[in-house]
Amino acid sequence: MPPEISDLLSQNIALIVLAVVIFLAVSTAVRIVPQSEKYVVERFGRLHAVLGPGINFIVPFLDRVAHRISVLERQLPTSRQDAITADNVLVQVETSVFYRIIEPEKTVYRIRDVDAAITTTVAGIVRSEIGTMELDQVQSNRARLIERIRESLANIVDDWGIEVTRAEILDVNLDEATRAAMLQQLNAERARRAQVTEAEGKRRAVELAADGDLYAAEQQAKAKRVLADAEAYATNAIASAIRDGGIEAAQYQVAMRQVEVLAEVGKGQGKQTVIVPASAVEALGDAFKLFRGGRP
C-alpha cells in the first residue's frame, strides 16, 4: 500500500469506524414489515413491542426482532378422530380448521406448537359434542354441530391470540356392520313408504270413483226432474187447451200423435209396407178440419 494512503487511513480511522457504526445503527433501527406479517420485538430478552406493516423504528443494539409471524389465514391438515355417539355407535369424523394469528405476542409466548395444540383441542371437542348426540342427529344436524365446535374452539384458542375463521366436518364414516344395518333400515323404510303410498292411491281412487257415481246419480236425478217438469208443463198446457177449446183440442192432439207414430214407422230401411188403419185416416182428416177451423 502506498505511504500516502496508509497515512490517510491512519489519520481518519476514527471517522471510518464512526461511519460504519452509524450505518449499522441506521440499518438496525429501521424495520420494514410486510403487509402479511407482524414482528415481535424484544428488549433484553423481554417483550417490548409488536411492529405492524410498514416502516418501523427500534433502538439499535438494545431491541431485536425475535419473531416474524405471518398473519395470513392457515388451514390445518385434515384430521380424523374416533367418537362414540349417544346411542353407542362408533364413528370416524374428518375435520378441517382454518385460523389466523391476530395477537402474535400471545401466540409466541403462550403456546409452542400452534397446529398440534389446535388439532388436539378439536379432537377433544368433537368427541365431547358427538357424545351428546345420536347418530341420526349427527347426520342431519351437521351445520349445528360445526357451529358448536367452532364456538367451543374459539373460546379456548382466544388465550393464544388466535382467531378460528372456519371449522368444517368433511365426513362422518361408519364401520361396515353399522353401514349394513343402516342400509337395511333404509330399505325397510322405503318399502313402508311405498306401501303407504300405494294404499293411499287406492283409497283415493275409490273416493274419486264414489264421487263420480254420486255426481252421475245427481245428474240423472236432475235430468229426470227436468223431464218430469216438462211433462207436467205439457199436461197442464193440454188440460188448459181442453178446458178452453173443448173436445176439439183433445181430438187434435190425438190426431197429431197418430201422425207422428206413422211417420216413425215409415222411417224403416228398405222396402216396407205400412198398413194404415181406417181410424188413423179418419183422425188425420179430422185434424185437417180442426186446423181449418171446421168441425169433424
Protein backbone atom coordinates (compact mmCIF):
# COMPACT_ATOMS: atom_id res chain seq x y z
CA MET A 1 0.00 0.00 0.00
CA PRO A 2 1.45 3.47 -0.83
CA PRO A 3 2.58 5.57 2.13
CA GLU A 4 0.12 8.36 1.28
CA ILE A 5 -2.93 6.05 1.50
CA SER A 6 -1.61 4.44 4.66
CA ASP A 7 -1.19 7.84 6.29
CA LEU A 8 -4.71 8.88 5.19
CA LEU A 9 -6.25 5.79 6.70
CA SER A 10 -4.35 6.09 9.93
CA GLN A 11 -5.42 9.72 10.30
CA ASN A 12 -9.16 9.04 9.52
CA ILE A 13 -9.62 5.63 11.12
CA ALA A 14 -11.87 7.07 13.76
CA LEU A 15 -14.15 8.64 11.16
CA ILE A 16 -14.35 5.42 9.22
CA VAL A 17 -15.27 3.44 12.33
CA LEU A 18 -17.88 6.06 13.23
CA ALA A 19 -19.39 5.89 9.75
CA VAL A 20 -19.62 2.11 9.92
CA VAL A 21 -21.25 2.29 13.33
CA ILE A 22 -23.75 4.88 12.12
CA PHE A 23 -24.61 2.78 9.05
CA LEU A 24 -25.17 -0.33 11.18
CA ALA A 25 -27.26 1.62 13.68
CA VAL A 26 -29.47 3.08 10.98
CA SER A 27 -29.91 -0.26 9.20
CA THR A 28 -30.71 -1.90 12.51
CA ALA A 29 -33.11 0.80 13.67
CA VAL A 30 -35.26 0.80 10.54
CA ARG A 31 -37.56 -2.21 10.04
CA ILE A 32 -39.87 -2.52 7.05
CA VAL A 33 -42.62 -5.02 7.89
CA PRO A 34 -44.57 -6.70 5.01
CA GLN A 35 -48.35 -6.43 4.96
CA SER A 36 -48.79 -10.16 5.69
CA GLU A 37 -46.54 -10.22 8.76
CA LYS A 38 -46.02 -8.80 12.24
CA TYR A 39 -42.71 -8.56 14.09
CA VAL A 40 -42.31 -9.24 17.81
CA VAL A 41 -39.55 -7.06 19.28
CA GLU A 42 -37.71 -7.96 22.47
CA ARG A 43 -35.51 -5.70 24.62
CA PHE A 44 -33.04 -7.52 26.83
CA GLY A 45 -34.99 -10.74 26.35
CA ARG A 46 -38.40 -9.32 27.28
CA LEU A 47 -41.36 -8.40 25.08
CA HIS A 48 -41.10 -4.76 24.10
CA ALA A 49 -43.36 -4.13 21.08
CA VAL A 50 -45.19 -5.62 18.11
CA LEU A 51 -44.44 -3.99 14.77
CA GLY A 52 -47.21 -3.70 12.20
CA PRO A 53 -46.93 -3.41 8.40
CA GLY A 54 -44.89 -0.50 7.07
CA ILE A 55 -41.79 1.40 8.27
CA ASN A 56 -40.96 0.98 11.98
CA PHE A 57 -38.10 2.18 14.16
CA ILE A 58 -36.43 0.39 17.06
CA VAL A 59 -33.50 1.23 19.34
CA PRO A 60 -30.32 -0.13 17.79
CA PHE A 61 -28.30 -2.68 19.79
CA LEU A 62 -30.99 -2.75 22.53
CA ASP A 63 -34.03 -4.03 20.61
CA ARG A 64 -34.14 -7.02 18.31
CA VAL A 65 -36.78 -8.69 16.16
CA ALA A 66 -37.23 -12.01 17.92
CA HIS A 67 -40.17 -13.43 15.89
CA ARG A 68 -41.60 -12.84 12.45
CA ILE A 69 -45.23 -14.02 12.49
CA SER A 70 -47.42 -14.44 9.41
CA VAL A 71 -50.97 -13.19 9.89
CA LEU A 72 -52.34 -14.96 6.81
CA GLU A 73 -55.15 -17.46 7.27
CA ARG A 74 -53.90 -21.01 7.73
CA GLN A 75 -55.50 -24.40 7.21
CA LEU A 76 -54.72 -27.33 9.43
CA PRO A 77 -54.23 -30.70 7.72
CA THR A 78 -57.34 -32.87 7.66
CA SER A 79 -57.51 -34.88 10.87
CA ARG A 80 -59.51 -37.99 11.76
CA GLN A 81 -60.70 -38.91 15.22
CA ASP A 82 -62.95 -41.64 16.55
CA ALA A 83 -66.04 -40.74 18.57
CA ILE A 84 -68.96 -42.61 20.11
CA THR A 85 -72.48 -41.20 19.75
CA ALA A 86 -75.12 -41.17 22.46
CA ASP A 87 -76.66 -44.36 21.00
CA ASN A 88 -73.27 -46.17 21.19
CA VAL A 89 -72.30 -46.02 17.51
CA LEU A 90 -68.61 -45.69 16.69
CA VAL A 91 -67.95 -43.08 14.01
CA GLN A 92 -64.81 -41.63 12.48
CA VAL A 93 -65.02 -37.88 11.93
CA GLU A 94 -62.85 -35.97 9.45
CA THR A 95 -62.37 -32.31 10.38
CA SER A 96 -60.58 -29.31 8.97
CA VAL A 97 -59.91 -25.99 10.74
CA PHE A 98 -58.95 -22.56 9.37
CA TYR A 99 -57.40 -19.95 11.67
CA ARG A 100 -55.17 -16.90 11.73
CA ILE A 101 -52.96 -15.23 14.33
CA ILE A 102 -54.24 -11.83 15.45
CA GLU A 103 -52.12 -11.28 18.59
CA PRO A 104 -48.60 -12.60 17.97
CA GLU A 105 -47.39 -11.60 21.43
CA LYS A 106 -49.75 -14.20 22.94
CA THR A 107 -49.02 -16.87 20.37
CA VAL A 108 -45.23 -16.87 20.70
CA TYR A 109 -45.15 -16.74 24.50
CA ARG A 110 -48.12 -18.96 25.50
CA ILE A 111 -48.03 -21.90 23.12
CA ARG A 112 -45.16 -23.74 21.48
CA ASP A 113 -46.80 -25.74 18.65
CA VAL A 114 -49.94 -24.00 17.50
CA ASP A 115 -51.03 -26.57 14.91
CA ALA A 116 -50.64 -29.53 17.24
CA ALA A 117 -52.45 -27.72 20.06
CA ILE A 118 -55.42 -26.82 17.84
CA THR A 119 -55.61 -30.36 16.40
CA THR A 120 -55.70 -31.89 19.88
CA THR A 121 -58.29 -29.38 21.05
CA VAL A 122 -60.52 -30.06 18.04
CA ALA A 123 -60.34 -33.82 18.65
CA GLY A 124 -61.47 -33.39 22.26
CA ILE A 125 -64.30 -31.04 21.34
CA VAL A 126 -65.55 -33.33 18.54
CA ARG A 127 -65.65 -36.35 20.84
CA SER A 128 -67.42 -34.37 23.53
CA GLU A 129 -70.06 -32.90 21.22
CA ILE A 130 -70.79 -36.11 19.32
CA GLY A 131 -71.13 -37.97 22.62
CA THR A 132 -74.22 -35.88 23.37
CA MET A 133 -75.91 -36.60 20.02
CA GLU A 134 -77.41 -39.68 18.39
CA LEU A 135 -76.22 -40.88 15.00
CA ASP A 136 -79.25 -39.52 13.15
CA GLN A 137 -78.69 -36.10 14.71
CA VAL A 138 -75.03 -36.15 13.69
CA GLN A 139 -76.02 -36.85 10.08
CA SER A 140 -78.94 -34.40 9.87
CA ASN A 141 -77.68 -31.53 12.08
CA ARG A 142 -74.13 -31.25 10.78
CA ALA A 143 -74.34 -27.46 10.44
CA ARG A 144 -75.34 -27.06 14.08
CA LEU A 145 -72.57 -29.43 15.17
CA ILE A 146 -70.00 -27.43 13.18
CA GLU A 147 -71.17 -24.20 14.80
CA ARG A 148 -70.89 -25.68 18.29
CA ILE A 149 -67.38 -26.96 17.55
CA ARG A 150 -66.31 -23.58 16.21
CA GLU A 151 -67.69 -21.72 19.23
CA SER A 152 -66.04 -24.09 21.72
CA LEU A 153 -62.73 -23.91 19.87
CA ALA A 154 -62.86 -20.11 19.66
CA ASN A 155 -63.26 -19.79 23.43
CA ILE A 156 -60.21 -21.98 24.05
CA VAL A 157 -57.77 -20.53 21.49
CA ASP A 158 -58.60 -16.94 22.40
CA ASP A 159 -55.88 -17.06 25.09
CA TRP A 160 -53.39 -17.96 22.38
CA GLY A 161 -54.13 -14.86 20.28
CA ILE A 162 -55.73 -16.96 17.55
CA GLU A 163 -59.00 -16.43 15.66
CA VAL A 164 -60.79 -19.50 14.28
CA THR A 165 -62.27 -18.40 10.98
CA ARG A 166 -63.89 -21.66 9.95
CA ALA A 167 -64.31 -25.24 11.14
CA GLU A 168 -65.60 -27.97 8.84
CA ILE A 169 -66.71 -31.59 9.25
CA LEU A 170 -65.74 -33.15 5.96
CA ASP A 171 -67.15 -36.63 6.51
CA VAL A 172 -68.60 -38.97 9.12
CA ASN A 173 -67.53 -42.56 8.42
CA LEU A 174 -69.12 -45.71 9.86
CA ASP A 175 -67.93 -49.29 10.16
CA GLU A 176 -69.25 -51.96 7.78
CA ALA A 177 -71.67 -53.53 10.28
CA THR A 178 -73.29 -50.19 11.04
CA ARG A 179 -73.48 -49.34 7.34
CA ALA A 180 -75.22 -52.65 6.60
CA ALA A 181 -77.71 -52.13 9.43
CA MET A 182 -78.47 -48.59 8.29
CA LEU A 183 -78.91 -49.77 4.68
CA GLN A 184 -81.33 -52.46 5.82
CA GLN A 185 -83.26 -49.92 7.86
CA LEU A 186 -83.34 -47.53 4.92
CA ASN A 187 -84.67 -50.20 2.57
CA ALA A 188 -87.36 -51.15 5.09
CA GLU A 189 -88.39 -47.52 5.43
CA ARG A 190 -88.57 -47.14 1.65
CA ALA A 191 -90.71 -50.27 1.36
CA ARG A 192 -93.03 -48.97 4.08
CA ARG A 193 -93.39 -45.63 2.35
CA ALA A 194 -94.12 -47.37 -0.97
CA GLN A 195 -96.88 -49.47 0.65
CA VAL A 196 -98.36 -46.42 2.33
CA THR A 197 -98.29 -44.51 -0.95
CA GLU A 198 -99.95 -47.40 -2.81
CA ALA A 199 -102.65 -47.73 -0.14
CA GLU A 200 -103.32 -44.01 -0.23
CA GLY A 201 -103.55 -44.17 -4.04
CA LYS A 202 -106.11 -46.98 -3.91
CA ARG A 203 -108.14 -45.15 -1.28
CA ARG A 204 -108.09 -42.02 -3.37
CA ALA A 205 -109.16 -43.94 -6.45
CA VAL A 206 -112.12 -45.41 -4.56
CA GLU A 207 -113.07 -41.96 -3.28
CA LEU A 208 -112.90 -40.49 -6.78
CA ALA A 209 -114.98 -43.37 -8.21
CA ALA A 210 -117.58 -42.88 -5.49
CA ASP A 211 -117.62 -39.15 -6.18
CA GLY A 212 -118.10 -39.90 -9.88
CA ASP A 213 -121.03 -42.25 -9.22
CA LEU A 214 -122.58 -39.70 -6.89
CA TYR A 215 -122.19 -36.98 -9.49
CA ALA A 216 -123.73 -39.20 -12.19
CA ALA A 217 -126.65 -40.05 -9.93
CA GLU A 218 -127.19 -36.38 -9.13
CA GLN A 219 -127.15 -35.51 -12.83
CA GLN A 220 -129.59 -38.31 -13.66
CA ALA A 221 -131.88 -37.14 -10.88
CA LYS A 222 -131.70 -33.60 -12.24
CA ALA A 223 -132.48 -34.86 -15.76
CA LYS A 224 -135.48 -36.85 -14.52
CA ARG A 225 -136.70 -33.84 -12.59
CA VAL A 226 -136.41 -31.67 -15.72
CA LEU A 227 -138.31 -34.28 -17.78
CA ALA A 228 -140.99 -34.53 -15.12
CA ASP A 229 -141.32 -30.76 -15.06
CA ALA A 230 -141.60 -30.74 -18.87
CA GLU A 231 -144.25 -33.49 -18.88
CA ALA A 232 -146.16 -31.68 -16.13
CA TYR A 233 -145.96 -28.47 -18.12
CA ALA A 234 -147.17 -30.26 -21.26
CA THR A 235 -150.01 -31.91 -19.35
CA ASN A 236 -151.04 -28.59 -17.88
CA ALA A 237 -150.91 -27.00 -21.33
CA ILE A 238 -153.11 -29.77 -22.81
CA ALA A 239 -155.51 -29.51 -19.90
CA SER A 240 -155.73 -25.77 -20.38
CA ALA A 241 -156.31 -26.23 -24.12
CA ILE A 242 -159.07 -28.77 -23.48
CA ARG A 243 -160.59 -26.51 -20.91
CA ASP A 244 -160.51 -23.52 -23.28
CA GLY A 245 -161.13 -25.19 -26.64
CA GLY A 246 -163.20 -28.14 -25.63
CA ILE A 247 -163.07 -31.67 -27.05
CA GLU A 248 -161.73 -30.39 -30.38
CA ALA A 249 -158.33 -29.61 -28.82
CA ALA A 250 -158.09 -33.12 -27.43
CA GLN A 251 -159.00 -34.68 -30.74
CA TYR A 252 -156.40 -32.52 -32.46
CA GLN A 253 -153.66 -33.67 -30.08
CA VAL A 254 -154.63 -37.34 -30.54
CA ALA A 255 -154.64 -36.97 -34.29
CA MET A 256 -151.23 -35.29 -34.34
CA ARG A 257 -149.78 -38.03 -32.13
CA GLN A 258 -151.07 -40.70 -34.53
CA VAL A 259 -149.44 -38.85 -37.42
CA GLU A 260 -146.11 -38.77 -35.54
CA VAL A 261 -146.30 -42.51 -34.86
CA LEU A 262 -146.99 -43.25 -38.51
CA ALA A 263 -144.03 -41.10 -39.51
CA GLU A 264 -141.74 -43.06 -37.18
CA VAL A 265 -142.98 -46.38 -38.58
CA GLY A 266 -142.32 -45.22 -42.12
CA LYS A 267 -138.63 -44.38 -41.42
CA GLY A 268 -137.50 -48.02 -41.56
CA GLN A 269 -134.78 -49.13 -44.01
CA GLY A 270 -135.58 -51.00 -47.22
CA LYS A 271 -138.96 -51.54 -48.80
CA GLN A 272 -141.73 -51.63 -46.26
CA THR A 273 -145.46 -51.86 -46.48
CA VAL A 274 -147.25 -49.78 -43.91
CA ILE A 275 -150.86 -50.68 -43.22
CA VAL A 276 -152.70 -47.60 -42.06
CA PRO A 277 -155.90 -48.27 -40.12
CA ALA A 278 -159.06 -46.54 -41.29
CA SER A 279 -159.35 -44.84 -37.94
CA ALA A 280 -155.93 -43.25 -38.50
CA VAL A 281 -157.04 -41.85 -41.84
CA GLU A 282 -160.17 -40.50 -40.28
CA ALA A 283 -158.16 -38.98 -37.45
CA LEU A 284 -155.84 -37.32 -39.97
CA GLY A 285 -158.83 -35.88 -41.82
CA ASP A 286 -160.35 -34.61 -38.59
CA ALA A 287 -157.03 -32.96 -37.70
CA PHE A 288 -157.00 -31.07 -41.03
CA LYS A 289 -160.58 -29.98 -40.48
CA LEU A 290 -159.76 -28.75 -36.98
CA PHE A 291 -156.71 -26.96 -38.34
CA ARG A 292 -159.01 -25.15 -40.89
CA GLY A 293 -161.39 -24.24 -38.08
CA GLY A 294 -164.19 -26.61 -39.04
CA ARG A 295 -165.83 -29.46 -37.11
CA PRO A 296 -165.07 -33.10 -37.72
